[in-house]
C-alpha atoms as a PDB file:
ATOM      1  CA  MET A   1      28.433  10.087  45.749  1.00  0.00           C
ATOM      2  CA  SER A   2      26.262  11.365  48.738  1.00  0.00           C
ATOM      3  CA  LYS A   3      23.912  14.444  48.467  1.00  0.00           C
ATOM      4  CA  ILE A   4      20.410  15.535  49.677  1.00  0.00           C
ATOM      5  CA  ASP A   5      17.783  15.491  47.001  1.00  0.00           C
ATOM      6  CA  GLU A   6      15.683  19.058  47.319  1.00  0.00           C
ATOM      7  CA  SER A   7      12.607  16.883  45.423  1.00  0.00           C
ATOM      8  CA  ARG A   8      12.140  14.996  48.385  1.00  0.00           C
ATOM      9  CA  THR A   9      10.168  16.058  51.485  1.00  0.00           C
ATOM     10  CA  PHE A  10      11.814  16.322  54.524  1.00  0.00           C
ATOM     11  CA  VAL A  11      10.113  13.997  57.241  1.00  0.00           C
ATOM     12  CA  PRO A  12      11.463  14.905  61.003  1.00  0.00           C
ATOM     13  CA  VAL A  13      11.721  12.388  63.290  1.00  0.00           C
ATOM     14  CA  ARG A  14      11.333  12.450  67.048  1.00  0.00           C
ATOM     15  CA  ILE A  15      14.827  11.898  68.680  1.00  0.00           C
ATOM     16  CA  ALA A  16      15.328  11.406  72.585  1.00  0.00           C
ATOM     17  CA  VAL A  17      18.655  11.959  74.102  1.00  0.00           C
ATOM     18  CA  LEU A  18      20.314  10.142  77.093  1.00  0.00           C
ATOM     19  CA  THR A  19      23.506  11.480  79.048  1.00  0.00           C
ATOM     20  CA  VAL A  20      25.367   9.074  80.752  1.00  0.00           C
ATOM     21  CA  SER A  21      26.980  10.712  83.902  1.00  0.00           C
ATOM     22  CA  ASP A  22      27.375  10.463  87.384  1.00  0.00           C
ATOM     23  CA  SER A  23      28.345  14.015  87.562  1.00  0.00           C
ATOM     24  CA  ARG A  24      26.572  16.017  84.994  1.00  0.00           C
ATOM     25  CA  ASN A  25      23.463  17.824  85.500  1.00  0.00           C
ATOM     26  CA  LEU A  26      20.857  19.728  83.144  1.00  0.00           C
ATOM     27  CA  GLU A  27      22.271  22.704  84.158  1.00  0.00           C
ATOM     28  CA  ASP A  28      26.186  21.677  82.886  1.00  0.00           C
ATOM     29  CA  ASP A  29      25.449  18.862  80.075  1.00  0.00           C
ATOM     30  CA  ARG A  30      27.072  20.660  77.450  1.00  0.00           C
ATOM     31  CA  SER A  31      27.245  17.320  75.114  1.00  0.00           C
ATOM     32  CA  GLY A  32      23.127  16.647  75.681  1.00  0.00           C
ATOM     33  CA  ASP A  33      23.004  20.850  75.040  1.00  0.00           C
ATOM     34  CA  THR A  34      25.019  20.430  71.871  1.00  0.00           C
ATOM     35  CA  LEU A  35      22.621  17.404  70.743  1.00  0.00           C
ATOM     36  CA  VAL A  36      19.668  18.852  71.516  1.00  0.00           C
ATOM     37  CA  ALA A  37      20.844  22.343  69.424  1.00  0.00           C
ATOM     38  CA  ARG A  38      21.638  20.176  66.324  1.00  0.00           C
ATOM     39  CA  ILE A  39      18.510  17.961  66.501  1.00  0.00           C
ATOM     40  CA  THR A  40      16.314  20.954  66.583  1.00  0.00           C
ATOM     41  CA  ALA A  41      17.791  23.078  64.178  1.00  0.00           C
ATOM     42  CA  ALA A  42      17.782  20.308  61.690  1.00  0.00           C
ATOM     43  CA  GLY A  43      13.875  20.344  61.813  1.00  0.00           C
ATOM     44  CA  HIS A  44      13.660  17.472  64.372  1.00  0.00           C
ATOM     45  CA  GLU A  45      11.577  16.556  67.507  1.00  0.00           C
ATOM     46  CA  VAL A  46      13.477  16.279  70.930  1.00  0.00           C
ATOM     47  CA  ALA A  47      10.838  13.681  72.087  1.00  0.00           C
ATOM     48  CA  ASP A  48      12.663  13.215  75.729  1.00  0.00           C
ATOM     49  CA  ARG A  49      15.800  14.229  77.459  1.00  0.00           C
ATOM     50  CA  LYS A  50      17.153  12.442  80.383  1.00  0.00           C
ATOM     51  CA  ILE A  51      20.730  12.080  82.385  1.00  0.00           C
ATOM     52  CA  ILE A  52      21.028   8.613  83.766  1.00  0.00           C
ATOM     53  CA  ARG A  53      23.640   7.340  85.972  1.00  0.00           C
ATOM     54  CA  ASP A  54      26.937   4.914  84.923  1.00  0.00           C
ATOM     55  CA  GLU A  55      24.898   1.692  85.673  1.00  0.00           C
ATOM     56  CA  ARG A  56      24.555  -0.848  82.880  1.00  0.00           C
ATOM     57  CA  GLY A  57      21.059  -2.061  84.147  1.00  0.00           C
ATOM     58  CA  GLU A  58      19.760   1.524  84.288  1.00  0.00           C
ATOM     59  CA  ILE A  59      21.074   2.923  80.866  1.00  0.00           C
ATOM     60  CA  ALA A  60      19.402  -1.028  79.214  1.00  0.00           C
ATOM     61  CA  SER A  61      16.091  -0.293  81.050  1.00  0.00           C
ATOM     62  CA  GLN A  62      15.925   3.343  80.167  1.00  0.00           C
ATOM     63  CA  LEU A  63      16.640   2.194  76.610  1.00  0.00           C
ATOM     64  CA  ARG A  64      13.888  -0.584  76.228  1.00  0.00           C
ATOM     65  CA  GLU A  65      11.559   2.065  77.705  1.00  0.00           C
ATOM     66  CA  TRP A  66      12.173   4.363  75.070  1.00  0.00           C
ATOM     67  CA  CYS A  67      12.372   1.518  72.369  1.00  0.00           C
ATOM     68  CA  ALA A  68       8.858   0.479  73.210  1.00  0.00           C
ATOM     69  CA  ASP A  69       7.779   3.931  72.798  1.00  0.00           C
ATOM     70  CA  PRO A  70       5.835   4.662  69.503  1.00  0.00           C
ATOM     71  CA  ASP A  71       6.481   8.368  70.111  1.00  0.00           C
ATOM     72  CA  ILE A  72      10.316   7.789  69.634  1.00  0.00           C
ATOM     73  CA  ASP A  73      11.799   6.926  66.463  1.00  0.00           C
ATOM     74  CA  VAL A  74      15.646   7.238  67.830  1.00  0.00           C
ATOM     75  CA  VAL A  75      17.751   7.114  70.918  1.00  0.00           C
ATOM     76  CA  ILE A  76      21.157   9.160  71.165  1.00  0.00           C
ATOM     77  CA  SER A  77      22.885   8.814  74.135  1.00  0.00           C
ATOM     78  CA  THR A  78      26.283  10.597  75.050  1.00  0.00           C
ATOM     79  CA  GLY A  79      28.980   9.301  77.757  1.00  0.00           C
ATOM     80  CA  GLY A  80      30.248   6.350  78.973  1.00  0.00           C
ATOM     81  CA  THR A  81      31.444   4.831  75.669  1.00  0.00           C
ATOM     82  CA  GLY A  82      35.253   4.918  76.824  1.00  0.00           C
ATOM     83  CA  LEU A  83      37.600   2.323  78.532  1.00  0.00           C
ATOM     84  CA  THR A  84      37.087   3.079  82.183  1.00  0.00           C
ATOM     85  CA  GLY A  85      35.495   0.631  84.571  1.00  0.00           C
ATOM     86  CA  ARG A  86      32.673   2.943  84.935  1.00  0.00           C
ATOM     87  CA  ASP A  87      32.283   3.314  81.089  1.00  0.00           C
ATOM     88  CA  VAL A  88      29.429   0.357  80.692  1.00  0.00           C
ATOM     89  CA  THR A  89      27.221   2.487  78.051  1.00  0.00           C
ATOM     90  CA  VAL A  90      28.388   0.536  75.102  1.00  0.00           C
ATOM     91  CA  GLU A  91      27.578  -2.876  77.400  1.00  0.00           C
ATOM     92  CA  ALA A  92      24.167  -1.557  78.083  1.00  0.00           C
ATOM     93  CA  HIS A  93      23.182  -0.573  74.651  1.00  0.00           C
ATOM     94  CA  ARG A  94      24.000  -3.978  73.211  1.00  0.00           C
ATOM     95  CA  ASP A  95      21.967  -5.497  75.817  1.00  0.00           C
ATOM     96  CA  VAL A  96      19.005  -3.986  73.900  1.00  0.00           C
ATOM     97  CA  TYR A  97      20.295  -4.288  70.294  1.00  0.00           C
ATOM     98  CA  GLU A  98      18.755  -6.725  68.029  1.00  0.00           C
ATOM     99  CA  LYS A  99      21.024  -5.792  65.490  1.00  0.00           C
ATOM    100  CA  GLU A 100      24.073  -3.601  65.724  1.00  0.00           C
ATOM    101  CA  ILE A 101      25.178  -1.226  62.803  1.00  0.00           C
ATOM    102  CA  GLU A 102      28.881  -2.205  63.215  1.00  0.00           C
ATOM    103  CA  ALA A 103      29.563   0.335  60.491  1.00  0.00           C
ATOM    104  CA  PHE A 104      28.640   3.399  62.394  1.00  0.00           C
ATOM    105  CA  GLY A 105      31.418   2.688  65.143  1.00  0.00           C
ATOM    106  CA  THR A 106      33.578   2.275  62.008  1.00  0.00           C
ATOM    107  CA  VAL A 107      32.239   5.696  60.186  1.00  0.00           C
ATOM    108  CA  PHE A 108      32.850   7.850  63.429  1.00  0.00           C
ATOM    109  CA  THR A 109      36.468   6.456  64.273  1.00  0.00           C
ATOM    110  CA  ILE A 110      37.550   7.801  60.191  1.00  0.00           C
ATOM    111  CA  ILE A 111      36.093  10.869  61.451  1.00  0.00           C
ATOM    112  CA  SER A 112      37.769  11.101  64.763  1.00  0.00           C
ATOM    113  CA  MET A 113      40.863  10.666  63.484  1.00  0.00           C
ATOM    114  CA  LYS A 114      41.010  13.387  61.144  1.00  0.00           C
ATOM    115  CA  LYS A 115      39.773  15.333  64.495  1.00  0.00           C
ATOM    116  CA  ILE A 116      41.933  13.754  67.265  1.00  0.00           C
ATOM    117  CA  GLY A 117      44.465  11.298  65.503  1.00  0.00           C
ATOM    118  CA  THR A 118      45.134   8.131  67.203  1.00  0.00           C
ATOM    119  CA  SER A 119      43.198   9.373  70.363  1.00  0.00           C
ATOM    120  CA  ALA A 120      40.072   8.036  68.234  1.00  0.00           C
ATOM    121  CA  VAL A 121      40.991   4.313  69.133  1.00  0.00           C
ATOM    122  CA  GLN A 122      39.812   4.811  72.754  1.00  0.00           C
ATOM    123  CA  SER A 123      36.085   5.579  71.743  1.00  0.00           C
ATOM    124  CA  ARG A 124      33.734   2.614  71.141  1.00  0.00           C
ATOM    125  CA  ALA A 125      30.718   4.794  69.650  1.00  0.00           C
ATOM    126  CA  THR A 126      28.486   2.322  68.423  1.00  0.00           C
ATOM    127  CA  GLY A 127      24.492   2.273  66.809  1.00  0.00           C
ATOM    128  CA  GLY A 128      22.077  -0.426  66.470  1.00  0.00           C
ATOM    129  CA  VAL A 129      18.536  -1.436  65.936  1.00  0.00           C
ATOM    130  CA  ALA A 130      16.137  -2.338  68.545  1.00  0.00           C
ATOM    131  CA  GLN A 131      11.796  -2.478  68.408  1.00  0.00           C
ATOM    132  CA  GLY A 132      11.948  -0.534  64.974  1.00  0.00           C
ATOM    133  CA  THR A 133      14.256   2.017  66.919  1.00  0.00           C
ATOM    134  CA  TYR A 134      17.519   3.324  66.224  1.00  0.00           C
ATOM    135  CA  LEU A 135      20.079   3.672  68.912  1.00  0.00           C
ATOM    136  CA  PHE A 136      23.224   5.580  68.962  1.00  0.00           C
ATOM    137  CA  ALA A 137      26.082   5.732  71.531  1.00  0.00           C
ATOM    138  CA  LEU A 138      28.483   8.733  71.429  1.00  0.00           C
ATOM    139  CA  PRO A 139      31.152   9.941  73.752  1.00  0.00           C
ATOM    140  CA  GLY A 140      30.885  12.126  76.260  1.00  0.00           C
ATOM    141  CA  SER A 141      32.132  15.446  74.634  1.00  0.00           C
ATOM    142  CA  PRO A 142      30.824  18.140  72.918  1.00  0.00           C
ATOM    143  CA  GLY A 143      33.549  17.737  70.041  1.00  0.00           C
ATOM    144  CA  ALA A 144      32.435  14.165  69.591  1.00  0.00           C
ATOM    145  CA  CYS A 145      28.815  14.507  69.285  1.00  0.00           C
ATOM    146  CA  LYS A 146      28.861  17.659  66.692  1.00  0.00           C
ATOM    147  CA  ASP A 147      31.422  15.158  64.519  1.00  0.00           C
ATOM    148  CA  ALA A 148      28.501  12.293  64.915  1.00  0.00           C
ATOM    149  CA  TRP A 149      25.955  14.546  64.293  1.00  0.00           C
ATOM    150  CA  ASP A 150      27.211  16.667  62.063  1.00  0.00           C
ATOM    151  CA  GLU A 151      29.113  14.204  59.492  1.00  0.00           C
ATOM    152  CA  ILE A 152      27.225  10.688  59.894  1.00  0.00           C
ATOM    153  CA  LEU A 153      23.382  11.047  61.763  1.00  0.00           C
ATOM    154  CA  ALA A 154      22.296  14.877  60.100  1.00  0.00           C
ATOM    155  CA  TYR A 155      22.654  12.944  56.548  1.00  0.00           C
ATOM    156  CA  GLN A 156      21.485   9.365  58.203  1.00  0.00           C
ATOM    157  CA  LEU A 157      18.717  10.579  59.655  1.00  0.00           C
ATOM    158  CA  ASP A 158      17.477  13.231  56.576  1.00  0.00           C
ATOM    159  CA  LEU A 159      15.043  11.052  54.096  1.00  0.00           C
ATOM    160  CA  ARG A 160      16.171  13.590  51.582  1.00  0.00           C
ATOM    161  CA  HIS A 161      20.082  12.016  51.853  1.00  0.00           C
ATOM    162  CA  ARG A 162      20.499   9.433  48.585  1.00  0.00           C
ATOM    163  CA  PRO A 163      21.802   7.302  47.932  1.00  0.00           C
ATOM    164  CA  CYS A 164      20.266   5.879  50.891  1.00  0.00           C
ATOM    165  CA  ASN A 165      19.446   6.588  54.962  1.00  0.00           C
ATOM    166  CA  PHE A 166      18.261   5.353  57.920  1.00  0.00           C
ATOM    167  CA  VAL A 167      14.603   7.441  57.629  1.00  0.00           C
ATOM    168  CA  GLU A 168      13.387   5.687  54.441  1.00  0.00           C
ATOM    169  CA  ILE A 169      13.878   2.474  56.088  1.00  0.00           C
ATOM    170  CA  MET A 170      12.357   2.747  59.430  1.00  0.00           C
ATOM    171  CA  PRO A 171       9.076   1.677  58.179  1.00  0.00           C
ATOM    172  CA  ARG A 172      10.907  -1.739  57.783  1.00  0.00           C
ATOM    173  CA  LEU A 173      12.909  -2.168  60.925  1.00  0.00           C
ATOM    174  CA  ASP A 174      10.444  -4.303  63.027  1.00  0.00           C
ATOM    175  CA  GLU A 175       8.265  -6.583  59.915  1.00  0.00           C
ATOM    176  CA  HIS A 176      10.305  -9.410  61.663  1.00  0.00           C
ATOM    177  CA  LEU A 177       7.534  -8.683  64.698  1.00  0.00           C
ATOM    178  CA  ARG A 178       4.484  -8.592  62.340  1.00  0.00           C
ATOM    179  CA  ARG A 179       5.517 -11.950  60.569  1.00  0.00           C
ATOM    180  CA  LYS A 180       3.050 -14.446  61.108  1.00  0.00           C
END
């Protein structure tokens, strides 16, 4: 069973938050605010925060920029994961991924089912890795951001979480780039 091992030291990670929206700004970005509040309350650092339009190329470009930044360990985006024509965040993420974390979307769906029933099928939340950086795409609602953070990311981004977590393997994410 998963648990927090208090004998281990907490290690803060540096997280960038990207809101994907054609209509939001920093003053009314409730989903981004939800993530920032949870990230800082957990003891992590918000390394950057931006709002970008629902444009696949622009989203992918921003993700790549943050993946290349050694001061960013994790990118969490919110918005653009639905089924409409303007929802292209998942495609942009997959343009960038070296490896997809398939179970992230599955676990998110299980959690969502408990809250919103079969409406959970409309979310395409996803996670992956690129250039040693974790990337997660969450739906654009504050509730979905709370669920993903509180029930998945808060644990997986905590080195003390047992039996395993994303932080402990972070130094090895880009080992294939260092091979001779």
